[in-house]
Each structure stands twice: as structure tokens, then as C-alpha cells.
């Protein structure tokens, strides 16, 4: 006969292992999204800095006699930079949202893992107590038998 306490322990261990495997996958996803968000944020900062530099260049060109084509070229490039910066900012926002969702999932998985661990610990304690009670019962039976043998 299979010990029901042992079955419970194995069940909780199996569930905890399953959650742990999923936790590893979700942690990798989180790290990838976090790294990508940081990269995109740095790229956005670099583009904004580039736009400031071109704005200074345009200001300098306009303050002296200049070729209209070069000023127009810089303005068009700055407009393109504006669109690119807006696109990067949207991507960073989307990645932040995704990162938050993954973080919440990580917290849920951690809670589940802790729950299964506690249930396994509880089942192990129950198994130990059951074993101790059975041992105590055997000792009591042996004591009774010895007493009866002495009494005869």
C-alpha cells in the first residue's frame, strides 16, 4: 500500500518543480524585455541629444548667410528625428507595460511556489507525526505484551 502522506509530498514537489520551470522561463523573458527597454531608452536619449545638436547647427547656419538647401535639409532631418524619437518613446512605453505584466506574473509564480513549498513541508510534518504515532503505538503494544508475559 502506498503511503498517502508520501503521495501528497510527491504531488507538492511535482507542482513546485513545474512552477519553478515556468519561473525560470518567465525570469528569462523579464530579463530580455528589461534589457531591450533599457537599450531603447538609451537610444531615445541619444536621438534627443542628436536633435539638440542639429538644432544648434541650424541656429548657427541661420544666423549667417547660408545656403537654403542645407537649412532645409537639416529641418527635414530634424522632422525625421522627431518621428523616430516618438516611435522609440512608444516602444519604450510598450516595453514598460510588458515588463510590468511579466513582473506581476513573476510575483504570482513566486507566491505559488512558496505555497507549494509550505504544503509540501506540512505534508512532510504530517507524515513524520503519523510515523511517530505508529512507532509510539508499537512501543505501547510491546510494553503491554511484556507486562502480560511477566504477569503470567
C-alpha atoms as a PDB file:
ATOM      1  CA  UNK A   1       0.000   0.000   0.000  1.00  0.00           C
ATOM      2  CA  UNK A   2       1.295   3.447  -0.931  1.00  0.00           C
ATOM      3  CA  UNK A   3       1.599   5.913   1.901  1.00  0.00           C
ATOM      4  CA  UNK A   4      -0.913   8.740   1.288  1.00  0.00           C
ATOM      5  CA  UNK A   5       1.370  11.231   3.030  1.00  0.00           C
ATOM      6  CA  UNK A   6       4.203  10.293   0.656  1.00  0.00           C
ATOM      7  CA  UNK A   7       1.847  10.822  -2.284  1.00  0.00           C
ATOM      8  CA  UNK A   8       0.971  14.301  -1.020  1.00  0.00           C
ATOM      9  CA  UNK A   9       4.639  15.175  -0.616  1.00  0.00           C
ATOM     10  CA  UNK A  10       5.390  13.984  -4.148  1.00  0.00           C
ATOM     11  CA  UNK A  11       2.404  15.919  -5.508  1.00  0.00           C
ATOM     12  CA  UNK A  12       3.524  19.184  -3.901  1.00  0.00           C
ATOM     13  CA  UNK A  13       7.121  18.599  -5.040  1.00  0.00           C
ATOM     14  CA  UNK A  14       5.972  17.954  -8.607  1.00  0.00           C
ATOM     15  CA  UNK A  15       3.822  21.087  -8.643  1.00  0.00           C
ATOM     16  CA  UNK A  16       6.659  23.150  -7.164  1.00  0.00           C
ATOM     17  CA  UNK A  17       9.071  21.837  -9.807  1.00  0.00           C
ATOM     18  CA  UNK A  18       6.586  22.697 -12.552  1.00  0.00           C
ATOM     19  CA  UNK A  19       6.196  26.221 -11.206  1.00  0.00           C
ATOM     20  CA  UNK A  20       9.971  26.535 -10.846  1.00  0.00           C
ATOM     21  CA  UNK A  21      10.453  25.608 -14.523  1.00  0.00           C
ATOM     22  CA  UNK A  22       7.891  28.222 -15.562  1.00  0.00           C
ATOM     23  CA  UNK A  23       9.514  30.726 -13.206  1.00  0.00           C
ATOM     24  CA  UNK A  24      12.864  30.265 -14.962  1.00  0.00           C
ATOM     25  CA  UNK A  25      11.271  30.878 -18.372  1.00  0.00           C
ATOM     26  CA  UNK A  26       9.372  33.963 -17.200  1.00  0.00           C
ATOM     27  CA  UNK A  27      12.518  35.318 -15.487  1.00  0.00           C
ATOM     28  CA  UNK A  28      14.404  34.999 -18.800  1.00  0.00           C
ATOM     29  CA  UNK A  29      11.595  36.828 -20.594  1.00  0.00           C
ATOM     30  CA  UNK A  30      11.675  39.569 -17.976  1.00  0.00           C
ATOM     31  CA  UNK A  31      15.439  39.973 -18.326  1.00  0.00           C
ATOM     32  CA  UNK A  32      15.176  40.176 -22.129  1.00  0.00           C
ATOM     33  CA  UNK A  33      12.378  42.771 -22.043  1.00  0.00           C
ATOM     34  CA  UNK A  34      14.167  44.783 -19.347  1.00  0.00           C
ATOM     35  CA  UNK A  35      17.405  44.798 -21.347  1.00  0.00           C
ATOM     36  CA  UNK A  36      15.573  45.774 -24.541  1.00  0.00           C
ATOM     37  CA  UNK A  37      13.716  48.585 -22.755  1.00  0.00           C
ATOM     38  CA  UNK A  38      16.959  49.955 -21.350  1.00  0.00           C
ATOM     39  CA  UNK A  39      18.559  49.797 -24.797  1.00  0.00           C
ATOM     40  CA  UNK A  40      15.610  51.583 -26.411  1.00  0.00           C
ATOM     41  CA  UNK A  41      15.582  54.253 -23.689  1.00  0.00           C
ATOM     42  CA  UNK A  42      19.298  54.869 -24.252  1.00  0.00           C
ATOM     43  CA  UNK A  43      18.672  55.041 -27.995  1.00  0.00           C
ATOM     44  CA  UNK A  44      15.922  57.617 -27.407  1.00  0.00           C
ATOM     45  CA  UNK A  45      18.272  59.701 -25.274  1.00  0.00           C
ATOM     46  CA  UNK A  46      20.941  59.506 -27.971  1.00  0.00           C
ATOM     47  CA  UNK A  47      18.456  60.631 -30.637  1.00  0.00           C
ATOM     48  CA  UNK A  48      17.252  63.540 -28.477  1.00  0.00           C
ATOM     49  CA  UNK A  49      20.858  64.608 -27.960  1.00  0.00           C
ATOM     50  CA  UNK A  50      21.421  64.382 -31.713  1.00  0.00           C
ATOM     51  CA  UNK A  51      18.342  66.545 -32.307  1.00  0.00           C
ATOM     52  CA  UNK A  52      19.676  69.199 -29.918  1.00  0.00           C
ATOM     53  CA  UNK A  53      22.981  69.213 -31.776  1.00  0.00           C
ATOM     54  CA  UNK A  54      21.235  69.637 -35.129  1.00  0.00           C
ATOM     55  CA  UNK A  55      19.062  72.426 -33.681  1.00  0.00           C
ATOM     56  CA  UNK A  56      22.243  74.241 -32.654  1.00  0.00           C
ATOM     57  CA  UNK A  57      23.713  73.669 -36.119  1.00  0.00           C
ATOM     58  CA  UNK A  58      20.552  75.026 -37.745  1.00  0.00           C
ATOM     59  CA  UNK A  59      20.586  78.065 -35.497  1.00  0.00           C
ATOM     60  CA  UNK A  60      24.230  78.719 -36.357  1.00  0.00           C
ATOM     61  CA  UNK A  61      23.582  78.316 -40.095  1.00  0.00           C
ATOM     62  CA  UNK A  62      20.571  80.652 -39.979  1.00  0.00           C
ATOM     63  CA  UNK A  63      22.466  83.333 -38.093  1.00  0.00           C
ATOM     64  CA  UNK A  64      24.817  83.853 -41.022  1.00  0.00           C
ATOM     65  CA  UNK A  65      24.382  83.871 -44.728  1.00  0.00           C
ATOM     66  CA  UNK A  66      23.583  80.359 -45.650  1.00  0.00           C
ATOM     67  CA  UNK A  67      22.528  78.037 -48.362  1.00  0.00           C
ATOM     68  CA  UNK A  68      18.761  77.491 -48.158  1.00  0.00           C
ATOM     69  CA  UNK A  69      19.175  73.869 -49.241  1.00  0.00           C
ATOM     70  CA  UNK A  70      21.399  72.990 -46.274  1.00  0.00           C
ATOM     71  CA  UNK A  71      18.970  74.625 -43.810  1.00  0.00           C
ATOM     72  CA  UNK A  72      16.051  72.809 -45.426  1.00  0.00           C
ATOM     73  CA  UNK A  73      17.990  69.560 -45.307  1.00  0.00           C
ATOM     74  CA  UNK A  74      18.646  69.993 -41.571  1.00  0.00           C
ATOM     75  CA  UNK A  75      14.984  70.880 -40.892  1.00  0.00           C
ATOM     76  CA  UNK A  76      13.809  67.790 -42.774  1.00  0.00           C
ATOM     77  CA  UNK A  77      16.294  65.638 -40.898  1.00  0.00           C
ATOM     78  CA  UNK A  78      15.113  67.103 -37.573  1.00  0.00           C
ATOM     79  CA  UNK A  79      11.490  66.329 -38.517  1.00  0.00           C
ATOM     80  CA  UNK A  80      12.573  62.773 -39.260  1.00  0.00           C
ATOM     81  CA  UNK A  81      14.340  62.646 -35.878  1.00  0.00           C
ATOM     82  CA  UNK A  82      11.116  63.830 -34.197  1.00  0.00           C
ATOM     83  CA  UNK A  83       9.198  60.923 -35.750  1.00  0.00           C
ATOM     84  CA  UNK A  84      11.923  58.480 -34.808  1.00  0.00           C
ATOM     85  CA  UNK A  85      12.075  59.743 -31.210  1.00  0.00           C
ATOM     86  CA  UNK A  86       8.276  59.474 -30.933  1.00  0.00           C
ATOM     87  CA  UNK A  87       8.425  55.925 -32.271  1.00  0.00           C
ATOM     88  CA  UNK A  88      11.185  54.980 -29.827  1.00  0.00           C
ATOM     89  CA  UNK A  89       9.228  56.545 -26.945  1.00  0.00           C
ATOM     90  CA  UNK A  90       6.150  54.496 -27.889  1.00  0.00           C
ATOM     91  CA  UNK A  91       8.300  51.357 -27.997  1.00  0.00           C
ATOM     92  CA  UNK A  92       9.755  52.152 -24.550  1.00  0.00           C
ATOM     93  CA  UNK A  93       6.247  52.676 -23.166  1.00  0.00           C
ATOM     94  CA  UNK A  94       5.074  49.370 -24.669  1.00  0.00           C
ATOM     95  CA  UNK A  95       8.105  47.602 -23.216  1.00  0.00           C
ATOM     96  CA  UNK A  96       7.446  49.149 -19.789  1.00  0.00           C
ATOM     97  CA  UNK A  97       3.881  47.835 -19.924  1.00  0.00           C
ATOM     98  CA  UNK A  98       5.102  44.387 -20.935  1.00  0.00           C
ATOM     99  CA  UNK A  99       7.769  44.474 -18.224  1.00  0.00           C
ATOM    100  CA  UNK A 100       5.097  45.289 -15.622  1.00  0.00           C
ATOM    101  CA  UNK A 101       2.922  42.382 -16.780  1.00  0.00           C
ATOM    102  CA  UNK A 102       5.862  39.995 -16.629  1.00  0.00           C
ATOM    103  CA  UNK A 103       6.839  41.310 -13.180  1.00  0.00           C
ATOM    104  CA  UNK A 104       3.290  40.634 -11.924  1.00  0.00           C
ATOM    105  CA  UNK A 105       3.458  37.115 -13.374  1.00  0.00           C
ATOM    106  CA  UNK A 106       6.787  36.561 -11.612  1.00  0.00           C
ATOM    107  CA  UNK A 107       5.235  37.613  -8.318  1.00  0.00           C
ATOM    108  CA  UNK A 108       2.297  35.252  -8.867  1.00  0.00           C
ATOM    109  CA  UNK A 109       4.632  32.367  -9.648  1.00  0.00           C
ATOM    110  CA  UNK A 110       6.765  33.119  -6.590  1.00  0.00           C
ATOM    111  CA  UNK A 111       3.665  33.065  -4.403  1.00  0.00           C
ATOM    112  CA  UNK A 112       2.561  29.773  -5.931  1.00  0.00           C
ATOM    113  CA  UNK A 113       5.997  28.272  -5.445  1.00  0.00           C
ATOM    114  CA  UNK A 114       6.005  29.338  -1.786  1.00  0.00           C
ATOM    115  CA  UNK A 115       2.510  27.912  -1.336  1.00  0.00           C
ATOM    116  CA  UNK A 116       3.516  24.521  -2.747  1.00  0.00           C
ATOM    117  CA  UNK A 117       6.663  24.534  -0.664  1.00  0.00           C
ATOM    118  CA  UNK A 118       4.650  25.195   2.500  1.00  0.00           C
ATOM    119  CA  UNK A 119       2.138  22.487   1.576  1.00  0.00           C
ATOM    120  CA  UNK A 120       4.996  20.035   0.991  1.00  0.00           C
ATOM    121  CA  UNK A 121       6.515  20.975   4.364  1.00  0.00           C
ATOM    122  CA  UNK A 122       3.136  20.491   6.009  1.00  0.00           C
ATOM    123  CA  UNK A 123       2.712  17.071   4.364  1.00  0.00           C
ATOM    124  CA  UNK A 124       6.208  16.064   5.497  1.00  0.00           C
ATOM    125  CA  UNK A 125       5.377  17.134   9.050  1.00  0.00           C
ATOM    126  CA  UNK A 126       2.134  15.190   8.935  1.00  0.00           C
ATOM    127  CA  UNK A 127       3.981  12.120   7.624  1.00  0.00           C
ATOM    128  CA  UNK A 128       6.553  12.415  10.399  1.00  0.00           C
ATOM    129  CA  UNK A 129       3.837  12.733  13.053  1.00  0.00           C
ATOM    130  CA  UNK A 130       1.944   9.763  11.622  1.00  0.00           C
ATOM    131  CA  UNK A 131       5.131   7.719  11.650  1.00  0.00           C
ATOM    132  CA  UNK A 132       5.906   8.788  15.232  1.00  0.00           C
ATOM    133  CA  UNK A 133       2.381   7.891  16.359  1.00  0.00           C
ATOM    134  CA  UNK A 134       2.649   4.471  14.708  1.00  0.00           C
ATOM    135  CA  UNK A 135       6.025   3.924  16.375  1.00  0.00           C
ATOM    136  CA  UNK A 136       4.634   5.003  19.744  1.00  0.00           C
ATOM    137  CA  UNK A 137       1.660   2.679  19.273  1.00  0.00           C
ATOM    138  CA  UNK A 138       4.031  -0.209  18.507  1.00  0.00           C
ATOM    139  CA  UNK A 139       6.082   0.571  21.596  1.00  0.00           C
ATOM    140  CA  UNK A 140       2.918   0.700  23.718  1.00  0.00           C
ATOM    141  CA  UNK A 141       1.803  -2.672  22.323  1.00  0.00           C
ATOM    142  CA  UNK A 142       5.226  -4.147  23.061  1.00  0.00           C
ATOM    143  CA  UNK A 143       5.082  -2.779  26.617  1.00  0.00           C
ATOM    144  CA  UNK A 144       1.622  -4.289  27.123  1.00  0.00           C
ATOM    145  CA  UNK A 145       2.794  -7.663  25.791  1.00  0.00           C
ATOM    146  CA  UNK A 146       5.862  -7.631  28.064  1.00  0.00           C
ATOM    147  CA  UNK A 147       3.671  -6.739  31.021  1.00  0.00           C
ATOM    148  CA  UNK A 148       1.250  -9.553  30.243  1.00  0.00           C
ATOM    149  CA  UNK A 149       4.101 -12.041  29.768  1.00  0.00           C
ATOM    150  CA  UNK A 150       5.532 -11.052  33.163  1.00  0.00           C
ATOM    151  CA  UNK A 151       2.094 -11.316  34.735  1.00  0.00           C
ATOM    152  CA  UNK A 152       1.689 -14.896  33.546  1.00  0.00           C
END
